[in-house]
Each structure stands twice: as structure tokens, then as C-alpha cells.
Amino acid sequence: MSETATNAADAAPNSTSNTFSADYVKELRAENKATRLRTQELETQLAHAAESGKKLELDFSNKEKAISEQAKQAAIRSEMKVHALKAGMVDLDGLKLLDLSKIQLNEAGELENADAVLKQAKDSKPWLFNITTSTSSTASPPKASEVKTKSALEMSADELAAFEKQHGIKSRF
């Protein structure tokens, strides 16, 4: 209690009297007004603090969601690199050409729809993949016919003459 209020309380009449002095009533009203104004000021500050707290909580929540989404996208890109290499992608820069928004991470941390996206990419952009073609034929190629050669000693005189004529060889005999 303030000093003026204490002085005013001393000036207050006995409990047997029902009237108060005008000065005492004015002091009480002034004290009540000051308390009311201070209470209103504190309530305003509390409302501002609560509003600031909500903004900070919302900002934190938004940042937390953004970081979580970034981590999820990084995991998807990393897993897609593995899937792309297994699918035969020649250059991983080709992942930039794919629509990764169709790919989701399930509860187990595995990619969903990755194979479908890569299959679609193989069909629409085959140059991104090293596609090896294998023949399913088990037939062996035909064998070359054996060339029978005769030595000059095995040839008859007529055969030897024909050979020499065909190859432009002059006979030594």
C-alpha cells in the first residue's frame, strides 16, 4: 500500500461510522485506477507475448516440416541413384530428367513407384540406359566347309598343270 493510502486509512472513520472522507475516497479511486491501468497493460503484454509465441511455434513447425521434407527428398534421390544404376542408367545426371514427384517413401523407408518411373524413362528416353540385347537363340552358326588341300605330290600331272595355270605359276620342269 502506498504512503498516501496508509495516511488515508488512518484518516478513515471507525467501523461504527458509515461515512468516509472525500479525500480518502479520491485516494482509493486513484489507487484503483492505477491498478486497473497496470492490469490492462499487463494483459496487453501477455496477449502480445502469446501471439509472438504462436508465431514462433508456427515458424518452428514450418521449418521443421521443411527440413523433414528436404531430408525425405534427399533420401528419395539417394535411393533413386541405386535403382537407376541397377536399371542400367549410363549417367546419373539423367535423374534430373525424371519426374521424381511420383515416387514416395513408404514407412519402411523403401521407394514406391521407382521401378515404374524408370521403366517409363527407358521407354521414352532409351539413350539414358545401357540396354544390352541378348539373343535367345541357342543355334550355333553353321560350320565352315572343310577345305581339302592337296599337296603337289598328290596331284596328277593334269591337276598340277591346271593349278599352275590358275595361279599364274610357271612350271619348273
C-alpha atoms as a PDB file:
ATOM      1  CA  MET A   1       0.000   0.000   0.000  1.00  0.00           C
ATOM      2  CA  SER A   2       1.284   3.463  -0.831  1.00  0.00           C
ATOM      3  CA  GLU A   3       2.077   6.057   1.810  1.00  0.00           C
ATOM      4  CA  THR A   4      -0.875   8.220   0.851  1.00  0.00           C
ATOM      5  CA  ALA A   5      -3.165   5.228   1.071  1.00  0.00           C
ATOM      6  CA  THR A   6      -1.794   4.440   4.546  1.00  0.00           C
ATOM      7  CA  ASN A   7      -2.384   8.015   5.632  1.00  0.00           C
ATOM      8  CA  ALA A   8      -5.857   7.870   4.177  1.00  0.00           C
ATOM      9  CA  ALA A   9      -6.561   4.624   6.004  1.00  0.00           C
ATOM     10  CA  ASP A  10      -5.549   6.327   9.223  1.00  0.00           C
ATOM     11  CA  ALA A  11      -7.997   9.076   8.373  1.00  0.00           C
ATOM     12  CA  ALA A  12     -10.767   6.524   7.797  1.00  0.00           C
ATOM     13  CA  PRO A  13     -13.523   6.643  10.368  1.00  0.00           C
ATOM     14  CA  ASN A  14     -14.180   3.958  12.933  1.00  0.00           C
ATOM     15  CA  SER A  15     -16.085   0.878  11.986  1.00  0.00           C
ATOM     16  CA  THR A  16     -19.077   2.346  13.779  1.00  0.00           C
ATOM     17  CA  SER A  17     -19.335   5.228  11.348  1.00  0.00           C
ATOM     18  CA  ASN A  18     -20.726   4.646   7.816  1.00  0.00           C
ATOM     19  CA  THR A  19     -19.167   7.603   6.021  1.00  0.00           C
ATOM     20  CA  PHE A  20     -15.689   8.226   4.594  1.00  0.00           C
ATOM     21  CA  SER A  21     -13.961  11.478   3.942  1.00  0.00           C
ATOM     22  CA  ALA A  22     -13.936  12.756   0.343  1.00  0.00           C
ATOM     23  CA  ASP A  23     -10.129  12.782   0.266  1.00  0.00           C
ATOM     24  CA  TYR A  24      -9.977   9.149   1.326  1.00  0.00           C
ATOM     25  CA  VAL A  25     -12.466   8.152  -1.385  1.00  0.00           C
ATOM     26  CA  LYS A  26     -10.460  10.070  -4.033  1.00  0.00           C
ATOM     27  CA  GLU A  27      -7.265   8.323  -2.976  1.00  0.00           C
ATOM     28  CA  LEU A  28      -8.941   4.924  -3.149  1.00  0.00           C
ATOM     29  CA  ARG A  29     -10.317   5.688  -6.582  1.00  0.00           C
ATOM     30  CA  ALA A  30      -6.898   6.894  -7.820  1.00  0.00           C
ATOM     31  CA  GLU A  31      -5.262   3.753  -6.454  1.00  0.00           C
ATOM     32  CA  ASN A  32      -7.954   1.595  -8.081  1.00  0.00           C
ATOM     33  CA  LYS A  33      -7.476   3.409 -11.403  1.00  0.00           C
ATOM     34  CA  ALA A  34      -3.685   2.906 -11.303  1.00  0.00           C
ATOM     35  CA  THR A  35      -4.150  -0.796 -10.506  1.00  0.00           C
ATOM     36  CA  ARG A  36      -6.727  -1.178 -13.306  1.00  0.00           C
ATOM     37  CA  LEU A  37      -4.432   0.564 -15.850  1.00  0.00           C
ATOM     38  CA  ARG A  38      -1.459  -1.573 -14.803  1.00  0.00           C
ATOM     39  CA  THR A  39      -3.605  -4.723 -15.094  1.00  0.00           C
ATOM     40  CA  GLN A  40      -4.736  -3.687 -18.599  1.00  0.00           C
ATOM     41  CA  GLU A  41      -1.118  -3.016 -19.596  1.00  0.00           C
ATOM     42  CA  LEU A  42      -0.003  -6.423 -18.306  1.00  0.00           C
ATOM     43  CA  GLU A  43      -2.911  -8.146 -20.077  1.00  0.00           C
ATOM     44  CA  THR A  44      -1.898  -6.412 -23.338  1.00  0.00           C
ATOM     45  CA  GLN A  45       1.716  -7.513 -22.871  1.00  0.00           C
ATOM     46  CA  LEU A  46       0.556 -11.058 -22.130  1.00  0.00           C
ATOM     47  CA  ALA A  47      -1.583 -11.088 -25.290  1.00  0.00           C
ATOM     48  CA  HIS A  48       1.379  -9.853 -27.374  1.00  0.00           C
ATOM     49  CA  ALA A  49       3.638 -12.474 -25.807  1.00  0.00           C
ATOM     50  CA  ALA A  50       1.084 -15.213 -26.520  1.00  0.00           C
ATOM     51  CA  GLU A  51       0.766 -14.008 -30.130  1.00  0.00           C
ATOM     52  CA  SER A  52       4.553 -13.934 -30.513  1.00  0.00           C
ATOM     53  CA  GLY A  53       4.728 -17.421 -29.008  1.00  0.00           C
ATOM     54  CA  LYS A  54       2.182 -18.692 -31.525  1.00  0.00           C
ATOM     55  CA  LYS A  55       4.158 -17.105 -34.377  1.00  0.00           C
ATOM     56  CA  LEU A  56       7.383 -18.674 -33.136  1.00  0.00           C
ATOM     57  CA  GLU A  57       5.668 -22.033 -32.738  1.00  0.00           C
ATOM     58  CA  LEU A  58       4.233 -21.769 -36.251  1.00  0.00           C
ATOM     59  CA  ASP A  59       7.628 -20.715 -37.674  1.00  0.00           C
ATOM     60  CA  PHE A  60       9.298 -23.617 -35.881  1.00  0.00           C
ATOM     61  CA  SER A  61       6.652 -26.028 -37.121  1.00  0.00           C
ATOM     62  CA  ASN A  62       7.020 -24.767 -40.704  1.00  0.00           C
ATOM     63  CA  LYS A  63      10.808 -25.004 -40.547  1.00  0.00           C
ATOM     64  CA  GLU A  64      10.580 -28.478 -39.055  1.00  0.00           C
ATOM     65  CA  LYS A  65       8.258 -29.575 -41.873  1.00  0.00           C
ATOM     66  CA  ALA A  66      10.553 -28.024 -44.490  1.00  0.00           C
ATOM     67  CA  ILE A  67      13.614 -29.763 -43.058  1.00  0.00           C
ATOM     68  CA  SER A  68      11.725 -33.044 -42.849  1.00  0.00           C
ATOM     69  CA  GLU A  69      10.637 -32.700 -46.490  1.00  0.00           C
ATOM     70  CA  GLN A  70      14.203 -31.866 -47.571  1.00  0.00           C
ATOM     71  CA  ALA A  71      15.516 -34.952 -45.785  1.00  0.00           C
ATOM     72  CA  LYS A  72      12.815 -37.071 -47.408  1.00  0.00           C
ATOM     73  CA  GLN A  73      13.661 -35.739 -50.884  1.00  0.00           C
ATOM     74  CA  ALA A  74      17.374 -36.356 -50.279  1.00  0.00           C
ATOM     75  CA  ALA A  75      16.604 -39.951 -49.288  1.00  0.00           C
ATOM     76  CA  ILE A  76      14.473 -40.411 -52.415  1.00  0.00           C
ATOM     77  CA  ARG A  77      17.249 -39.029 -54.661  1.00  0.00           C
ATOM     78  CA  SER A  78      19.821 -41.266 -52.993  1.00  0.00           C
ATOM     79  CA  GLU A  79      17.688 -44.395 -53.330  1.00  0.00           C
ATOM     80  CA  MET A  80      16.830 -43.495 -56.925  1.00  0.00           C
ATOM     81  CA  LYS A  81      20.546 -43.440 -57.770  1.00  0.00           C
ATOM     82  CA  VAL A  82      20.802 -47.039 -56.621  1.00  0.00           C
ATOM     83  CA  HIS A  83      17.692 -48.066 -58.582  1.00  0.00           C
ATOM     84  CA  ALA A  84      18.900 -46.182 -61.673  1.00  0.00           C
ATOM     85  CA  LEU A  85      22.280 -47.913 -61.631  1.00  0.00           C
ATOM     86  CA  LYS A  86      20.586 -51.296 -61.280  1.00  0.00           C
ATOM     87  CA  ALA A  87      18.323 -50.408 -64.219  1.00  0.00           C
ATOM     88  CA  GLY A  88      21.390 -49.660 -66.353  1.00  0.00           C
ATOM     89  CA  MET A  89      21.345 -45.848 -66.405  1.00  0.00           C
ATOM     90  CA  VAL A  90      24.530 -44.673 -68.091  1.00  0.00           C
ATOM     91  CA  ASP A  91      24.797 -41.245 -66.430  1.00  0.00           C
ATOM     92  CA  LEU A  92      23.080 -40.379 -63.126  1.00  0.00           C
ATOM     93  CA  ASP A  93      22.554 -36.812 -64.371  1.00  0.00           C
ATOM     94  CA  GLY A  94      19.685 -38.420 -66.274  1.00  0.00           C
ATOM     95  CA  LEU A  95      17.764 -38.495 -62.967  1.00  0.00           C
ATOM     96  CA  LYS A  96      17.263 -34.754 -63.389  1.00  0.00           C
ATOM     97  CA  LEU A  97      15.103 -35.529 -66.417  1.00  0.00           C
ATOM     98  CA  LEU A  98      12.773 -37.832 -64.487  1.00  0.00           C
ATOM     99  CA  ASP A  99       9.611 -36.840 -62.654  1.00  0.00           C
ATOM    100  CA  LEU A 100      10.523 -37.811 -59.095  1.00  0.00           C
ATOM    101  CA  SER A 101       7.301 -36.357 -57.665  1.00  0.00           C
ATOM    102  CA  LYS A 102       5.581 -39.676 -58.419  1.00  0.00           C
ATOM    103  CA  ILE A 103       7.979 -41.511 -56.113  1.00  0.00           C
ATOM    104  CA  GLN A 104       7.134 -41.804 -52.431  1.00  0.00           C
ATOM    105  CA  LEU A 105       8.977 -43.183 -49.430  1.00  0.00           C
ATOM    106  CA  ASN A 106       6.935 -45.776 -47.515  1.00  0.00           C
ATOM    107  CA  GLU A 107       7.014 -46.437 -43.766  1.00  0.00           C
ATOM    108  CA  ALA A 108       9.874 -48.924 -44.169  1.00  0.00           C
ATOM    109  CA  GLY A 109      11.976 -46.299 -45.984  1.00  0.00           C
ATOM    110  CA  GLU A 110      11.650 -48.023 -49.356  1.00  0.00           C
ATOM    111  CA  LEU A 111      10.741 -46.330 -52.613  1.00  0.00           C
ATOM    112  CA  GLU A 112       7.319 -46.810 -54.132  1.00  0.00           C
ATOM    113  CA  ASN A 113       6.790 -46.385 -57.904  1.00  0.00           C
ATOM    114  CA  ALA A 114      10.538 -46.189 -58.606  1.00  0.00           C
ATOM    115  CA  ASP A 115      10.515 -49.144 -60.981  1.00  0.00           C
ATOM    116  CA  ALA A 116       7.533 -47.735 -62.884  1.00  0.00           C
ATOM    117  CA  VAL A 117       9.234 -44.353 -63.295  1.00  0.00           C
ATOM    118  CA  LEU A 118      12.442 -45.999 -64.527  1.00  0.00           C
ATOM    119  CA  LYS A 119      10.523 -48.239 -66.939  1.00  0.00           C
ATOM    120  CA  GLN A 120       8.739 -45.206 -68.349  1.00  0.00           C
ATOM    121  CA  ALA A 121      12.121 -43.455 -68.681  1.00  0.00           C
ATOM    122  CA  LYS A 122      13.580 -46.455 -70.520  1.00  0.00           C
ATOM    123  CA  ASP A 123      10.687 -46.320 -72.969  1.00  0.00           C
ATOM    124  CA  SER A 124      10.739 -42.560 -73.519  1.00  0.00           C
ATOM    125  CA  LYS A 125      14.493 -41.855 -73.136  1.00  0.00           C
ATOM    126  CA  PRO A 126      16.345 -45.044 -74.077  1.00  0.00           C
ATOM    127  CA  TRP A 127      19.646 -43.210 -74.635  1.00  0.00           C
ATOM    128  CA  LEU A 128      19.942 -42.792 -70.854  1.00  0.00           C
ATOM    129  CA  PHE A 129      20.261 -46.538 -70.376  1.00  0.00           C
ATOM    130  CA  ASN A 130      22.771 -49.149 -71.435  1.00  0.00           C
ATOM    131  CA  ILE A 131      20.399 -51.661 -72.905  1.00  0.00           C
ATOM    132  CA  THR A 132      22.139 -54.891 -73.769  1.00  0.00           C
ATOM    133  CA  THR A 133      20.392 -57.104 -76.205  1.00  0.00           C
ATOM    134  CA  SER A 134      20.842 -60.789 -75.845  1.00  0.00           C
ATOM    135  CA  THR A 135      19.870 -63.405 -78.364  1.00  0.00           C
ATOM    136  CA  SER A 136      17.712 -66.138 -77.089  1.00  0.00           C
ATOM    137  CA  SER A 137      18.639 -68.381 -79.993  1.00  0.00           C
ATOM    138  CA  THR A 138      20.738 -71.337 -78.950  1.00  0.00           C
ATOM    139  CA  ALA A 139      21.535 -72.413 -82.505  1.00  0.00           C
ATOM    140  CA  SER A 140      25.195 -72.331 -83.320  1.00  0.00           C
ATOM    141  CA  PRO A 141      26.419 -70.702 -86.503  1.00  0.00           C
ATOM    142  CA  PRO A 142      26.886 -73.008 -89.468  1.00  0.00           C
ATOM    143  CA  LYS A 143      30.247 -74.710 -89.696  1.00  0.00           C
ATOM    144  CA  ALA A 144      32.553 -73.704 -92.451  1.00  0.00           C
ATOM    145  CA  SER A 145      33.046 -76.436 -95.016  1.00  0.00           C
ATOM    146  CA  GLU A 146      36.372 -78.062 -94.699  1.00  0.00           C
ATOM    147  CA  VAL A 147      38.719 -77.139 -97.470  1.00  0.00           C
ATOM    148  CA  LYS A 148      40.560 -80.123 -98.742  1.00  0.00           C
ATOM    149  CA  THR A 149      44.014 -79.286 -99.855  1.00  0.00           C
ATOM    150  CA  LYS A 150      46.325 -81.493-101.840  1.00  0.00           C
ATOM    151  CA  SER A 151      49.981 -81.191-101.919  1.00  0.00           C
ATOM    152  CA  ALA A 152      51.718 -81.024-105.298  1.00  0.00           C
ATOM    153  CA  LEU A 153      52.932 -84.548-104.755  1.00  0.00           C
ATOM    154  CA  GLU A 154      49.350 -85.829-104.517  1.00  0.00           C
ATOM    155  CA  MET A 155      48.200 -84.069-107.697  1.00  0.00           C
ATOM    156  CA  SER A 156      48.154 -85.697-111.088  1.00  0.00           C
ATOM    157  CA  ALA A 157      50.038 -84.038-113.931  1.00  0.00           C
ATOM    158  CA  ASP A 158      46.799 -82.564-115.328  1.00  0.00           C
ATOM    159  CA  GLU A 159      45.724 -81.188-111.909  1.00  0.00           C
ATOM    160  CA  LEU A 160      49.131 -79.674-111.376  1.00  0.00           C
ATOM    161  CA  ALA A 161      49.037 -78.025-114.796  1.00  0.00           C
ATOM    162  CA  ALA A 162      45.545 -76.613-114.112  1.00  0.00           C
ATOM    163  CA  PHE A 163      46.674 -75.239-110.722  1.00  0.00           C
ATOM    164  CA  GLU A 164      49.741 -73.617-112.197  1.00  0.00           C
ATOM    165  CA  LYS A 165      47.660 -72.064-114.978  1.00  0.00           C
ATOM    166  CA  GLN A 166      45.006 -70.805-112.487  1.00  0.00           C
ATOM    167  CA  HIS A 167      47.566 -69.146-110.248  1.00  0.00           C
ATOM    168  CA  GLY A 168      49.939 -67.976-112.916  1.00  0.00           C
ATOM    169  CA  ILE A 169      52.800 -70.178-111.865  1.00  0.00           C
ATOM    170  CA  LYS A 170      55.420 -71.269-114.360  1.00  0.00           C
ATOM    171  CA  SER A 171      56.430 -74.839-114.130  1.00  0.00           C
ATOM    172  CA  ARG A 172      59.987 -75.619-113.305  1.00  0.00           C
ATOM    173  CA  PHE A 173      60.097 -78.682-115.456  1.00  0.00           C
END
